[in-house]
Amino acid sequence: MRQQFLLLIVTIIIEFFILWLFIRKNPLRIFFYAALINLSTLPIANYLYQNISNNFLLIELAVFLIEWILIMVLFEIKYYRALLLSFIANFITAVISLLLR
């Protein structure tokens, strides 16, 4: 449990910096949205892992798609830019997650 909490905090911080690099407006709002997005997708990822499949790539794909929509809506940006941000953020955090295992 403690390790999951630490990974969540690390993910929020990493995704905040990635989002901030591309958006560069109101860092507090970006941090809040990064936390909100990850706090929304973590229970979904855990549910999928425990009840549907333990396939890491499948779960990351689901998280990537959900975060794409959330980024597009919360930041009010075009779908292709939100898609790019979601891909970059989730790719980097997925690689880090695999390295920390």
Protein backbone atom coordinates (compact mmCIF):
# COMPACT_ATOMS: atom_id res chain seq x y z
CA MET A 1 0.00 0.00 0.00
CA ARG A 2 2.78 2.41 0.90
CA GLN A 3 4.58 1.64 -2.36
CA GLN A 4 1.38 2.29 -4.35
CA PHE A 5 0.96 5.65 -2.63
CA LEU A 6 4.56 6.58 -3.42
CA LEU A 7 4.10 5.56 -7.06
CA LEU A 8 0.94 7.67 -7.23
CA ILE A 9 2.77 10.73 -5.89
CA VAL A 10 5.67 10.19 -8.31
CA THR A 11 3.22 9.77 -11.21
CA ILE A 12 1.37 12.97 -10.31
CA ILE A 13 4.62 14.93 -10.10
CA ILE A 14 5.97 13.55 -13.38
CA GLU A 15 2.72 14.11 -15.25
CA PHE A 16 2.47 17.62 -13.79
CA PHE A 17 5.89 18.51 -15.20
CA ILE A 18 5.04 17.02 -18.59
CA LEU A 19 1.73 18.90 -18.75
CA TRP A 20 3.40 22.10 -17.56
CA LEU A 21 6.09 21.83 -20.26
CA PHE A 22 3.39 21.89 -22.93
CA ILE A 23 0.77 24.17 -21.39
CA ARG A 24 2.87 26.67 -19.37
CA LYS A 25 -0.08 28.43 -17.76
CA ASN A 26 -1.19 28.48 -14.14
CA PRO A 27 1.02 25.76 -12.59
CA LEU A 28 -1.25 25.33 -9.56
CA ARG A 29 -4.20 24.53 -11.83
CA ILE A 30 -2.05 22.12 -13.85
CA PHE A 31 -0.94 20.36 -10.67
CA PHE A 32 -4.51 20.13 -9.41
CA TYR A 33 -5.69 18.65 -12.71
CA ALA A 34 -2.75 16.21 -12.83
CA ALA A 35 -3.68 15.00 -9.35
CA LEU A 36 -7.38 14.81 -10.21
CA ILE A 37 -6.71 12.87 -13.41
CA ASN A 38 -4.45 10.36 -11.69
CA LEU A 39 -6.73 9.97 -8.70
CA SER A 40 -9.52 9.21 -11.18
CA THR A 41 -7.63 6.67 -13.25
CA LEU A 42 -5.86 4.81 -10.43
CA PRO A 43 -9.04 3.10 -9.13
CA ILE A 44 -9.95 2.15 -12.70
CA ALA A 45 -6.49 0.69 -13.32
CA ASN A 46 -6.63 -1.22 -10.03
CA TYR A 47 -10.10 -2.57 -10.82
CA LEU A 48 -9.01 -3.69 -14.29
CA TYR A 49 -5.89 -5.35 -12.90
CA GLN A 50 -7.72 -7.19 -10.12
CA ASN A 51 -10.92 -8.17 -11.96
CA ILE A 52 -10.45 -8.10 -15.71
CA SER A 53 -6.85 -8.65 -16.75
CA ASN A 54 -3.37 -8.29 -15.36
CA ASN A 55 -2.10 -7.33 -18.80
CA PHE A 56 0.00 -4.22 -18.17
CA LEU A 57 -0.27 -2.90 -21.74
CA LEU A 58 -4.04 -3.31 -21.86
CA ILE A 59 -4.45 -1.43 -18.59
CA GLU A 60 -2.08 1.34 -19.71
CA LEU A 61 -4.05 1.66 -22.95
CA ALA A 62 -7.28 2.11 -20.98
CA VAL A 63 -5.66 4.69 -18.70
CA PHE A 64 -4.15 6.51 -21.70
CA LEU A 65 -7.57 6.78 -23.39
CA ILE A 66 -9.35 7.97 -20.24
CA GLU A 67 -6.62 10.51 -19.49
CA TRP A 68 -6.73 11.74 -23.10
CA ILE A 69 -10.40 12.66 -22.67
CA LEU A 70 -9.86 14.18 -19.23
CA ILE A 71 -6.92 16.30 -20.45
CA MET A 72 -8.94 17.49 -23.45
CA VAL A 73 -11.93 18.47 -21.30
CA LEU A 74 -10.14 19.92 -18.27
CA PHE A 75 -7.53 21.93 -20.17
CA GLU A 76 -9.91 22.80 -23.01
CA ILE A 77 -7.41 21.88 -25.71
CA LYS A 78 -7.82 20.20 -29.09
CA TYR A 79 -8.13 16.43 -29.19
CA TYR A 80 -4.83 15.82 -31.02
CA ARG A 81 -2.84 17.92 -28.54
CA ALA A 82 -4.52 16.16 -25.61
CA LEU A 83 -3.80 12.82 -27.29
CA LEU A 84 -0.12 13.72 -27.59
CA LEU A 85 0.09 14.90 -23.98
CA SER A 86 -1.64 11.79 -22.69
CA PHE A 87 0.64 9.55 -24.74
CA ILE A 88 3.85 11.24 -23.61
CA ALA A 89 2.82 11.39 -19.95
CA ASN A 90 1.62 7.79 -19.81
CA PHE A 91 4.55 6.43 -21.79
CA ILE A 92 7.07 8.04 -19.46
CA THR A 93 5.27 7.03 -16.27
CA ALA A 94 4.71 3.48 -17.57
CA VAL A 95 8.41 3.08 -18.33
CA ILE A 96 9.34 4.43 -14.89
CA SER A 97 6.80 2.09 -13.29
CA LEU A 98 8.34 -0.88 -15.06
CA LEU A 99 11.84 0.19 -14.01
CA LEU A 100 10.81 0.55 -10.36
CA ARG A 101 9.24 -2.91 -10.16
